[in-house]
Structures are given as structure tokens and as C-alpha cells.
């Protein structure tokens, strides 16, 4: 097995927390994601709906969770529907979860076949006053394809128009921002696998190496250590390519005198890590590269000091931008007088640092969250400042993942080399 089975008590606790937020006489319905097609008879790899996985641990298509805490019959209060295996499926795809296996994975006692869901729903809905359904409420969501849950919303509203429909995403976003100790342990494993990949590539990077070859070194190390692969599409950008925030071509050769920016990390058991490191292709920083690198590292450490419980995200970003402004002045990129005169939007800073500093991390790389929620103990964030100097073909971004603690944050990537001197020493040692 790639990883040890996750303790079903995690999913039992997650459902209990959700139940505590529901209105009386409510029903929750949550479907698995579709398997999306490519061309001809091809399909994409299956990616489970993160909210369904959070509540059940089931990573299989054609799965439905129904929760009805106030149902008259106790057997109707939690139901899990899973796809039944037949001989054809077993031959071509392998066996699906048995009812016993689904029960062991999720901690849900009553498991039925998915083929019975429609009739069961029609029997149960009349008991409910409120029906909770999921939609994607992430602030940057781009929903160009109708999902299984979007179809479910339409179908329920068509068949049962007089019920009161509620926003499940609002509740799930609140639940998922605080990580369970089991989740934190899994994210730490993803970070540890990412560390192994980064240490591997430090001995591989040199002039003439292809960006795609660096990507291959990472994925080799990730998979051999139990990850299913990249947490997100890797960014391996050398030279000018590093100035493109979402550069994913990874198809150029790395040249002497350049730096290579690597935004690449592993997933583990469904949870994600998120790392960025920028290193000199030939193993040694030039004075200018080192100057920019150290400036970004100071901002990362300063951001970690203020990423504390009670601070609001907008205030955090504003304070981080102020730190970055001071560094950009020190680098000679913006004038101190002009910086003082600029408006609150900080256009001079945004020319060189144009993205947010942090985002929630978990089952989704850009994990869900209630907008404007103050930071709190138990949240996991990235910290990823960067400076992008397009006129110099030079960019540095550094990123670690941290757990907000009561007295101090815990750096989940604290063992991954980040000091410039350590990077140079490791590259020199491993390349010879």
C-alpha cells in the first residue's frame, strides 16, 4: 500500500462537527465528483470531491453521503451509497469497495449500493425541512463545467421545490480551516516527501539540465515514497521563466548564471504540501542574486512572525507588503520618496510583488475558507513572498507551510534547506 489506512475516527469526528452546525430537521446530500472525459474513449484521472472525502474517507466515484440527524428511524441518520462491482468492472478496473470495506473506511454503519440512491432519497426527503447541498464558493473558483453536485442542486430543486435549501459550503469551509491532529500528521508526511524530492534535485541541477528533467527527478522521489504525485502542476522556471507566476511549460534548458525557481510539492493520502525554492543553476549565487534572495527570506520570516491568531488576512497582507516595500527600496528597485507618496494600493510594490503572501492548505492546495476569517490556532498556511524583476530576468520566490500555534507557529518545512549558504554547500557537496 502507498500509505497506511486513515483512522476512520477522523471522518466520524468530522461528521459530528458538521451535525452540530445543522439546523433542526435537516438533510445533507453530497455526491462524488464525476470522472471527466478527454477524447474518444479516454478519461482523466479521478479526483474526489474534497468535502465528501473529508466526511467519509471514500476515494471512489459514484459515491453519495446522506446525513439526516433527526430522521425518525435511527438507521436513516447516516447513509453511504457506493458503486457495486460487477464482473465487467472487476475485469477492467478492479473491484470497487465492498459494503464492509466502505463501512470500515468511513465509520458509517449503513452502506447501500448507489443504484438505490434515488428511491431512498424520495423516501427520506419528505421528513426534512432543510436540505443542505454543496456549491463551490471559493473566491477564485472558475466553474466552467457542471459538476455532479451542481446537477444534484438542479434536480432536487425541480423535484422538491418547496423545501428550504441551505449552503453546505459555508459550513464545510468553516470546518476545514481548523486541521485535526490526524490531518496535520498527514500534511507533515507530504512535506517530508517534498523535502526528499528537493534534496534530490540539489544534486542534479547544473547548467544544461532541462527544466523537465528537474520535474522528473521530483516525481520519481515523490512516487517512490508513497505519494500519488504532484500536489499541483509543477512550476520549474529558470532565468526569465521564473518571472512568470504560473509558468508550467517546464521545457527550457537551465543556463549558467541563472537561477531556477521550483514551485513543486507532493500530496500524501489526499492532503497536500506546497513548497517553493529558488537556487542558482551553477551552485553559487551571484552578489545580486544573493541580495534579492536574502530580501525575500527576510520577508518570509517577518510574515511568519505576524501570521498569528486574531489578525485578519487583509491586515496581514498589508503589513507584509510594507515589509516588502522596505526590501525593494533597499534593492534599489523603487525610490523611497516615491514609495512614501504612492497610494494605498502600493503600485510600486506590486510591480515586483504582485500576489498574495499566504493561503490555506489542506485537502485542496488553495484550501477553502470563510472570507475574512481571522487567523486562528490550528490553521495551516503557506508563506510565499517573491520578488520578480523582469527587466533583470531575475526572480526569487520562497515558500514554507506553517501550522498556527498558541505561542508560536510550527514550520512544517523547517527541515527543508532554505538558507543561501546551506543551499550552496549542499549543491557543492552533492554535485561532486
Protein backbone atom coordinates (compact mmCIF):
# COMPACT_ATOMS: atom_id res chain seq x y z
CA UNK A 1 0.00 0.00 0.00
CA UNK A 2 1.16 3.55 -0.69
CA UNK A 3 0.11 4.69 2.79
CA UNK A 4 -1.42 3.31 5.94
CA UNK A 5 -5.24 3.46 6.12
CA UNK A 6 -6.53 6.64 7.73
CA UNK A 7 -8.17 6.15 11.11
CA UNK A 8 -11.96 6.33 10.45
CA UNK A 9 -12.34 8.22 13.71
CA UNK A 10 -11.16 11.30 11.78
CA UNK A 11 -14.19 11.10 9.48
CA UNK A 12 -16.51 10.25 12.36
CA UNK A 13 -15.32 13.40 14.18
CA UNK A 14 -15.73 15.48 11.04
CA UNK A 15 -19.33 14.39 10.58
CA UNK A 16 -20.07 15.03 14.25
CA UNK A 17 -18.75 18.58 13.89
CA UNK A 18 -20.93 19.10 10.83
CA UNK A 19 -24.02 17.77 12.63
CA UNK A 20 -23.50 20.35 15.38
CA UNK A 21 -23.85 23.15 12.80
CA UNK A 22 -27.02 21.93 11.07
CA UNK A 23 -30.47 23.43 11.56
CA UNK A 24 -33.11 21.15 13.14
CA UNK A 25 -34.73 18.62 10.85
CA UNK A 26 -32.04 18.89 8.19
CA UNK A 27 -30.71 16.66 5.45
CA UNK A 28 -27.23 16.78 3.90
CA UNK A 29 -26.61 15.31 0.45
CA UNK A 30 -23.13 15.23 -1.05
CA UNK A 31 -22.05 13.47 -4.24
CA UNK A 32 -18.68 12.30 -5.55
CA UNK A 33 -17.10 14.12 -8.45
CA UNK A 34 -17.58 12.87 -11.98
CA UNK A 35 -14.90 11.10 -13.98
CA UNK A 36 -14.25 13.67 -16.70
CA UNK A 37 -13.70 12.64 -20.34
CA UNK A 38 -10.81 13.55 -22.61
CA UNK A 39 -11.27 12.47 -26.26
CA UNK A 40 -12.53 9.26 -27.87
CA UNK A 41 -12.94 6.76 -25.00
CA UNK A 42 -10.35 8.42 -22.75
CA UNK A 43 -10.91 9.75 -19.25
CA UNK A 44 -8.97 11.89 -16.82
CA UNK A 45 -7.72 10.50 -13.54
CA UNK A 46 -10.44 10.58 -10.90
CA UNK A 47 -10.25 13.34 -8.29
CA UNK A 48 -12.64 13.03 -5.38
CA UNK A 49 -14.78 15.89 -4.10
CA UNK A 50 -12.72 17.15 -1.16
CA UNK A 51 -15.74 17.76 1.08
CA UNK A 52 -17.03 14.22 0.53
CA UNK A 53 -13.58 12.80 1.25
CA UNK A 54 -13.32 14.96 4.40
CA UNK A 55 -16.56 13.45 5.72
CA UNK A 56 -16.13 9.82 4.61
CA UNK A 57 -12.57 8.99 3.52
CA UNK A 58 -14.05 7.29 0.43
CA UNK A 59 -11.98 7.96 -2.70
CA UNK A 60 -14.25 6.37 -5.30
CA UNK A 61 -16.61 7.64 -7.99
CA UNK A 62 -20.41 7.26 -7.82
CA UNK A 63 -20.45 7.73 -4.05
CA UNK A 64 -23.13 9.65 -2.13
CA UNK A 65 -23.31 10.68 1.52
CA UNK A 66 -26.67 11.39 3.14
CA UNK A 67 -26.88 12.72 6.69
CA UNK A 68 -30.23 13.19 8.41
CA UNK A 69 -29.60 13.50 12.17
CA UNK A 70 -33.28 13.89 13.11
CA UNK A 71 -34.63 11.04 10.98
CA UNK A 72 -37.33 9.03 12.74
CA UNK A 73 -35.58 5.73 12.04
CA UNK A 74 -32.05 5.76 13.51
CA UNK A 75 -30.84 3.68 10.54
CA UNK A 76 -31.63 6.64 8.26
CA UNK A 77 -29.44 9.15 10.09
CA UNK A 78 -26.23 8.33 8.20
CA UNK A 79 -26.18 6.58 4.85
CA UNK A 80 -23.32 5.97 2.47
CA UNK A 81 -24.00 4.87 -1.10
CA UNK A 82 -21.16 3.23 -3.07
CA UNK A 83 -20.83 1.71 -6.51
CA UNK A 84 -21.49 -2.00 -6.75
CA UNK A 85 -18.86 -4.08 -8.53
CA UNK A 86 -19.91 -6.33 -11.39
CA UNK A 87 -17.83 -8.80 -13.39
CA UNK A 88 -17.11 -6.34 -16.20
CA UNK A 89 -15.92 -3.63 -13.77
CA UNK A 90 -13.82 -6.16 -11.89
CA UNK A 91 -12.09 -7.26 -15.10
CA UNK A 92 -11.37 -3.80 -16.49
CA UNK A 93 -10.95 -1.62 -13.40
CA UNK A 94 -10.64 -3.96 -10.44
CA UNK A 95 -13.03 -4.42 -7.57
CA UNK A 96 -14.77 -1.45 -6.01
CA UNK A 97 -15.32 -1.07 -2.29
CA UNK A 98 -17.45 -3.73 -0.69
CA UNK A 99 -20.04 -2.57 1.81
CA UNK A 100 -17.83 -3.86 4.61
CA UNK A 101 -14.79 -2.00 3.28
CA UNK A 102 -16.78 1.23 2.87
CA UNK A 103 -18.04 0.82 6.42
CA UNK A 104 -14.51 0.31 7.74
CA UNK A 105 -13.16 3.30 5.82
CA UNK A 106 -15.86 5.79 6.76
CA UNK A 107 -17.16 4.60 10.11
CA UNK A 108 -20.70 4.78 8.66
CA UNK A 109 -22.71 1.75 9.67
CA UNK A 110 -25.32 1.76 6.93
CA UNK A 111 -23.91 1.33 3.42
CA UNK A 112 -26.10 0.84 0.35
CA UNK A 113 -25.45 0.50 -3.37
CA UNK A 114 -25.56 3.72 -5.40
CA UNK A 115 -28.26 2.29 -7.65
CA UNK A 116 -30.73 2.62 -4.75
CA UNK A 117 -29.98 6.30 -4.01
CA UNK A 118 -32.83 7.88 -5.99
CA UNK A 119 -35.56 5.76 -4.43
CA UNK A 120 -34.08 6.21 -0.95
CA UNK A 121 -33.88 9.98 -1.44
CA UNK A 122 -37.53 10.15 -2.48
CA UNK A 123 -38.50 8.28 0.67
CA UNK A 124 -36.43 10.45 3.03
CA UNK A 125 -36.82 13.99 1.67
CA UNK A 126 -40.39 14.48 2.98
CA UNK A 127 -39.02 14.16 6.55
CA UNK A 128 -36.65 17.13 6.12
CA UNK A 129 -37.36 20.86 6.35
CA UNK A 130 -33.86 21.95 5.32
CA UNK A 131 -31.72 20.38 2.59
CA UNK A 132 -28.00 21.21 2.56
CA UNK A 133 -26.29 20.98 -0.85
CA UNK A 134 -22.76 21.88 -1.91
CA UNK A 135 -21.61 24.56 -4.36
CA UNK A 136 -18.11 25.91 -4.99
CA UNK A 137 -17.89 29.20 -3.08
CA UNK A 138 -14.11 29.71 -3.27
CA UNK A 139 -13.43 33.37 -4.10
CA UNK A 140 -11.29 32.47 -7.13
CA UNK A 141 -13.33 29.49 -8.34
CA UNK A 142 -13.75 29.11 -12.08
CA UNK A 143 -16.70 26.79 -12.68
CA UNK A 144 -16.88 26.20 -16.43
CA UNK A 145 -18.06 22.57 -16.19
CA UNK A 146 -21.27 21.46 -14.50
CA UNK A 147 -20.40 19.10 -11.65
CA UNK A 148 -22.33 16.17 -10.23
CA UNK A 149 -23.28 18.28 -7.22
CA UNK A 150 -24.44 21.16 -9.45
CA UNK A 151 -26.72 18.70 -11.26
CA UNK A 152 -27.96 17.46 -7.89
CA UNK A 153 -28.91 21.01 -6.88
CA UNK A 154 -30.97 21.43 -10.06
CA UNK A 155 -32.63 18.04 -9.72
CA UNK A 156 -33.56 18.49 -6.05
CA UNK A 157 -34.99 21.94 -6.66
CA UNK A 158 -37.00 20.61 -9.60
CA UNK A 159 -38.39 17.60 -7.74
CA UNK A 160 -38.82 19.22 -4.32
CA UNK A 161 -39.32 22.95 -4.97
CA UNK A 162 -40.91 23.83 -1.61
CA UNK A 163 -38.06 22.66 0.61
CA UNK A 164 -35.71 25.20 2.17
CA UNK A 165 -32.26 24.79 0.61
CA UNK A 166 -29.14 25.67 2.58
CA UNK A 167 -25.48 26.36 1.72
CA UNK A 168 -23.37 23.38 2.75
CA UNK A 169 -20.17 25.07 1.51
CA UNK A 170 -20.50 27.75 4.18
CA UNK A 171 -20.36 25.08 6.90
CA UNK A 172 -17.68 22.94 5.26
CA UNK A 173 -15.41 25.93 4.76
CA UNK A 174 -15.63 26.71 8.45
CA UNK A 175 -14.95 23.11 9.48
CA UNK A 176 -12.00 22.57 7.17
CA UNK A 177 -9.99 25.65 8.16
CA UNK A 178 -9.05 24.10 11.53
CA UNK A 179 -6.99 20.97 11.00
CA UNK A 180 -7.44 17.81 13.04
CA UNK A 181 -4.21 16.35 14.50
CA UNK A 182 -4.56 13.43 12.06
CA UNK A 183 -4.68 15.88 9.15
CA UNK A 184 -1.63 17.72 10.43
CA UNK A 185 0.27 14.45 10.63
CA UNK A 186 -0.61 13.62 7.03
CA UNK A 187 0.34 17.10 5.79
CA UNK A 188 3.65 16.70 7.62
CA UNK A 189 4.25 13.45 5.72
CA UNK A 190 3.56 15.26 2.45
CA UNK A 191 6.08 17.93 3.48
CA UNK A 192 8.66 15.27 4.37
CA UNK A 193 8.28 13.63 0.96
CA UNK A 194 8.67 17.06 -0.64
CA UNK A 195 11.88 17.55 1.35
CA UNK A 196 13.28 14.32 -0.05
CA UNK A 197 12.50 15.47 -3.58
CA UNK A 198 14.15 18.84 -3.05
CA UNK A 199 17.30 17.35 -1.57
CA UNK A 200 17.47 15.00 -4.54
CA UNK A 201 17.34 17.78 -7.12
CA UNK A 202 20.03 19.82 -5.35
CA UNK A 203 22.49 17.19 -6.51
CA UNK A 204 21.07 17.13 -10.02
CA UNK A 205 20.76 20.80 -11.04
CA UNK A 206 23.62 22.15 -13.19
CA UNK A 207 23.99 24.13 -16.43
CA UNK A 208 22.47 22.31 -19.40
CA UNK A 209 19.83 20.41 -17.41
CA UNK A 210 16.28 20.71 -18.73
CA UNK A 211 13.52 22.12 -16.56
CA UNK A 212 11.53 18.99 -17.43
CA UNK A 213 14.36 16.80 -16.15
CA UNK A 214 14.20 18.52 -12.76
CA UNK A 215 10.44 17.85 -12.75
CA UNK A 216 11.18 14.17 -13.46
CA UNK A 217 13.58 13.95 -10.52
CA UNK A 218 10.91 15.29 -8.19
CA UNK A 219 8.16 12.93 -9.36
CA UNK A 220 10.47 9.92 -9.12
CA UNK A 221 11.24 10.67 -5.49
CA UNK A 222 7.64 11.50 -4.63
CA UNK A 223 6.13 8.31 -6.02
CA UNK A 224 8.78 6.01 -4.60
CA UNK A 225 7.97 7.42 -1.14
CA UNK A 226 4.23 6.72 -1.32
CA UNK A 227 2.83 9.90 -2.86
CA UNK A 228 0.44 9.63 -5.79
CA UNK A 229 2.35 12.50 -7.36
CA UNK A 230 2.37 16.27 -7.51
CA UNK A 231 0.02 18.25 -5.30
CA UNK A 232 -0.44 20.62 -8.27
CA UNK A 233 1.09 21.24 -11.68
CA UNK A 234 4.79 21.87 -11.01
CA UNK A 235 6.44 25.18 -11.90
CA UNK A 236 10.11 24.77 -12.85
CA UNK A 237 11.22 28.11 -14.26
CA UNK A 238 14.81 29.13 -14.98
CA UNK A 239 16.01 32.62 -15.87
CA UNK A 240 13.25 34.80 -17.31
CA UNK A 241 10.75 31.94 -16.95
CA UNK A 242 10.83 32.40 -13.17
CA UNK A 243 9.19 35.81 -13.62
CA UNK A 244 6.01 34.11 -14.94
CA UNK A 245 3.95 33.30 -11.86
CA UNK A 246 2.18 30.26 -13.29
CA UNK A 247 4.83 29.07 -15.74
CA UNK A 248 4.13 25.38 -16.41
CA UNK A 249 5.82 24.64 -19.75
CA UNK A 250 8.99 23.44 -17.99
CA UNK A 251 10.65 22.97 -21.38
CA UNK A 252 13.79 25.16 -21.36
CA UNK A 253 17.42 24.37 -20.58
CA UNK A 254 18.91 25.85 -17.41
CA UNK A 255 21.90 28.07 -18.12
CA UNK A 256 24.93 29.06 -16.04
CA UNK A 257 24.42 32.35 -14.26
CA UNK A 258 20.65 31.85 -13.97
CA UNK A 259 18.53 30.80 -11.04
CA UNK A 260 15.78 28.20 -11.25
CA UNK A 261 12.53 28.70 -9.36
CA UNK A 262 10.81 25.45 -8.34
CA UNK A 263 7.24 25.63 -7.04
CA UNK A 264 6.61 21.92 -6.64
CA UNK A 265 5.34 19.68 -3.84
CA UNK A 266 3.90 16.26 -3.04
CA UNK A 267 0.47 15.15 -1.96
CA UNK A 268 0.04 12.31 0.52
CA UNK A 269 -3.13 10.32 1.23
CA UNK A 270 -5.23 13.12 -0.28
CA UNK A 271 -3.67 16.04 1.62
CA UNK A 272 -1.18 18.48 0.11
CA UNK A 273 2.05 20.32 0.73
CA UNK A 274 3.26 23.43 -1.12
CA UNK A 275 6.93 24.34 -1.48
CA UNK A 276 8.89 26.93 -3.45
CA UNK A 277 12.68 27.20 -3.58
CA UNK A 278 14.92 29.24 -5.91
CA UNK A 279 18.51 28.10 -6.38
CA UNK A 280 21.48 29.06 -8.60
CA UNK A 281 21.87 26.77 -11.59
CA UNK A 282 25.65 26.57 -11.22
CA UNK A 283 25.50 26.17 -7.44
CA UNK A 284 26.59 29.66 -6.37
CA UNK A 285 24.59 32.88 -6.10
CA UNK A 286 25.91 35.99 -7.76
CA UNK A 287 26.06 39.02 -5.43
CA UNK A 288 22.83 40.41 -6.93
CA UNK A 289 21.04 37.07 -6.74
CA UNK A 290 22.08 36.68 -3.11
CA UNK A 291 20.91 40.22 -2.33
CA UNK A 292 17.43 39.52 -3.73
CA UNK A 293 17.30 36.05 -2.18
CA UNK A 294 18.08 37.32 1.32
CA UNK A 295 15.48 40.07 0.96
CA UNK A 296 12.75 37.52 0.14
CA UNK A 297 13.85 35.29 3.03
CA UNK A 298 13.61 38.21 5.47
CA UNK A 299 10.05 38.90 4.31
CA UNK A 300 9.14 35.20 4.73
CA UNK A 301 10.43 35.22 8.29
CA UNK A 302 8.80 38.53 9.07
CA UNK A 303 5.47 37.28 7.71
CA UNK A 304 5.73 34.21 9.91
CA UNK A 305 6.07 36.47 12.97
CA UNK A 306 2.83 38.30 12.23
CA UNK A 307 0.80 35.31 10.96
CA UNK A 308 -0.74 34.89 14.40
CA UNK A 309 -4.19 34.28 15.88
CA UNK A 310 -6.62 37.19 15.66
CA UNK A 311 -5.04 39.02 12.72
CA UNK A 312 -7.25 39.44 9.67
CA UNK A 313 -5.95 38.39 6.23
CA UNK A 314 -6.23 41.89 4.73
CA UNK A 315 -4.22 43.40 7.59
CA UNK A 316 -1.63 40.63 7.28
CA UNK A 317 -1.19 41.26 3.57
CA UNK A 318 -0.92 45.00 4.16
CA UNK A 319 1.82 44.52 6.76
CA UNK A 320 3.68 42.05 4.54
CA UNK A 321 3.55 44.49 1.62
CA UNK A 322 5.03 47.16 3.92
CA UNK A 323 7.92 44.77 4.71
CA UNK A 324 8.40 44.10 1.03
CA UNK A 325 8.40 47.83 0.25
CA UNK A 326 11.35 48.34 2.58
CA UNK A 327 13.24 45.50 0.91
CA UNK A 328 12.54 46.82 -2.59
CA UNK A 329 13.87 50.23 -1.56
CA UNK A 330 17.00 48.53 -0.21
CA UNK A 331 17.44 46.70 -3.51
CA UNK A 332 17.24 49.96 -5.43
CA UNK A 333 14.11 48.88 -7.29
CA UNK A 334 11.87 51.68 -6.01
CA UNK A 335 12.65 55.15 -4.70
CA UNK A 336 11.96 55.87 -1.03
CA UNK A 337 10.37 59.24 -1.76
CA UNK A 338 8.15 57.80 -4.49
CA UNK A 339 7.20 54.90 -2.22
CA UNK A 340 6.10 57.31 0.51
CA UNK A 341 3.97 59.24 -1.96
CA UNK A 342 2.19 56.25 -3.53
CA UNK A 343 -1.40 55.42 -2.68
CA UNK A 344 -2.68 52.56 -0.51
CA UNK A 345 -2.78 50.17 -3.49
CA UNK A 346 1.06 50.23 -3.50
CA UNK A 347 1.52 50.04 -7.29
CA UNK A 348 5.29 50.39 -6.98
CA UNK A 349 5.48 47.33 -4.76
CA UNK A 350 3.04 45.36 -6.90
CA UNK A 351 5.28 45.78 -9.91
CA UNK A 352 7.71 43.39 -8.21
CA UNK A 353 5.45 41.53 -5.73
CA UNK A 354 2.03 41.14 -7.27
CA UNK A 355 0.43 38.18 -5.45
CA UNK A 356 -0.82 37.27 -2.00
CA UNK A 357 1.58 36.11 0.67
CA UNK A 358 -0.34 33.16 2.11
CA UNK A 359 -3.21 30.77 1.52
CA UNK A 360 -4.89 27.99 3.47
CA UNK A 361 -3.55 24.49 2.75
CA UNK A 362 -5.19 21.09 3.17
CA UNK A 363 -7.24 18.73 1.02
CA UNK A 364 -7.15 21.47 -1.59
CA UNK A 365 -3.85 23.23 -2.26
CA UNK A 366 -5.67 26.56 -2.13
CA UNK A 367 -7.90 25.27 0.62
CA UNK A 368 -11.42 26.55 1.26
CA UNK A 369 -12.04 29.19 3.91
CA UNK A 370 -14.73 31.64 5.10
CA UNK A 371 -13.84 35.04 3.61
CA UNK A 372 -12.19 37.50 6.00
CA UNK A 373 -11.89 34.90 8.79
CA UNK A 374 -9.20 35.95 11.30
CA UNK A 375 -6.24 33.61 11.72
CA UNK A 376 -6.66 31.00 14.46
CA UNK A 377 -4.76 28.20 16.15
CA UNK A 378 -4.93 25.00 14.09
CA UNK A 379 -4.94 26.63 10.66
CA UNK A 380 -2.27 25.61 8.13
CA UNK A 381 -0.94 28.29 5.80
CA UNK A 382 1.68 28.74 3.16
CA UNK A 383 4.01 31.75 3.38
CA UNK A 384 5.32 32.58 -0.09
CA UNK A 385 6.74 36.05 -0.75
CA UNK A 386 8.55 36.70 -4.00
CA UNK A 387 10.38 39.39 -5.92
CA UNK A 388 10.12 39.34 -9.73
CA UNK A 389 12.46 41.68 -11.63
CA UNK A 390 11.53 41.19 -15.26
CA UNK A 391 13.96 43.82 -16.51
CA UNK A 392 16.80 41.76 -14.99
CA UNK A 393 15.39 38.34 -15.86
CA UNK A 394 15.65 37.56 -12.15
CA UNK A 395 13.04 36.20 -9.75
CA UNK A 396 13.08 34.66 -6.29
CA UNK A 397 10.14 33.05 -4.51
CA UNK A 398 10.42 31.10 -1.26
CA UNK A 399 7.60 29.17 0.36
CA UNK A 400 7.10 27.12 3.50
CA UNK A 401 3.99 25.63 5.12
CA UNK A 402 3.25 26.54 8.74
CA UNK A 403 0.79 25.47 11.41
CA UNK A 404 -0.50 28.34 13.54
CA UNK A 405 0.13 27.50 17.19
CA UNK A 406 -0.83 29.05 20.51
CA UNK A 407 2.56 30.51 21.40
CA UNK A 408 4.36 30.28 18.05
CA UNK A 409 3.88 28.84 14.59
CA UNK A 410 5.30 25.43 13.74
CA UNK A 411 7.13 25.28 10.43
CA UNK A 412 6.12 22.01 8.78
CA UNK A 413 9.00 22.54 6.33
CA UNK A 414 11.54 23.58 8.94
CA UNK A 415 13.87 20.74 7.89
CA UNK A 416 13.96 21.76 4.24
CA UNK A 417 17.09 23.81 3.40
CA UNK A 418 16.38 27.49 2.80
CA UNK A 419 19.46 29.49 3.89
CA UNK A 420 21.53 30.56 0.90
CA UNK A 421 24.77 29.29 2.44
CA UNK A 422 23.21 25.89 3.13
CA UNK A 423 21.87 25.69 -0.44
CA UNK A 424 25.32 26.43 -1.86
CA UNK A 425 27.02 23.94 0.45
CA UNK A 426 24.58 21.13 -0.37
CA UNK A 427 24.80 21.75 -4.11
CA UNK A 428 28.60 21.77 -3.97
CA UNK A 429 28.67 18.55 -1.92
CA UNK A 430 26.14 16.60 -3.98
CA UNK A 431 27.39 17.66 -7.41
CA UNK A 432 30.89 16.30 -6.78
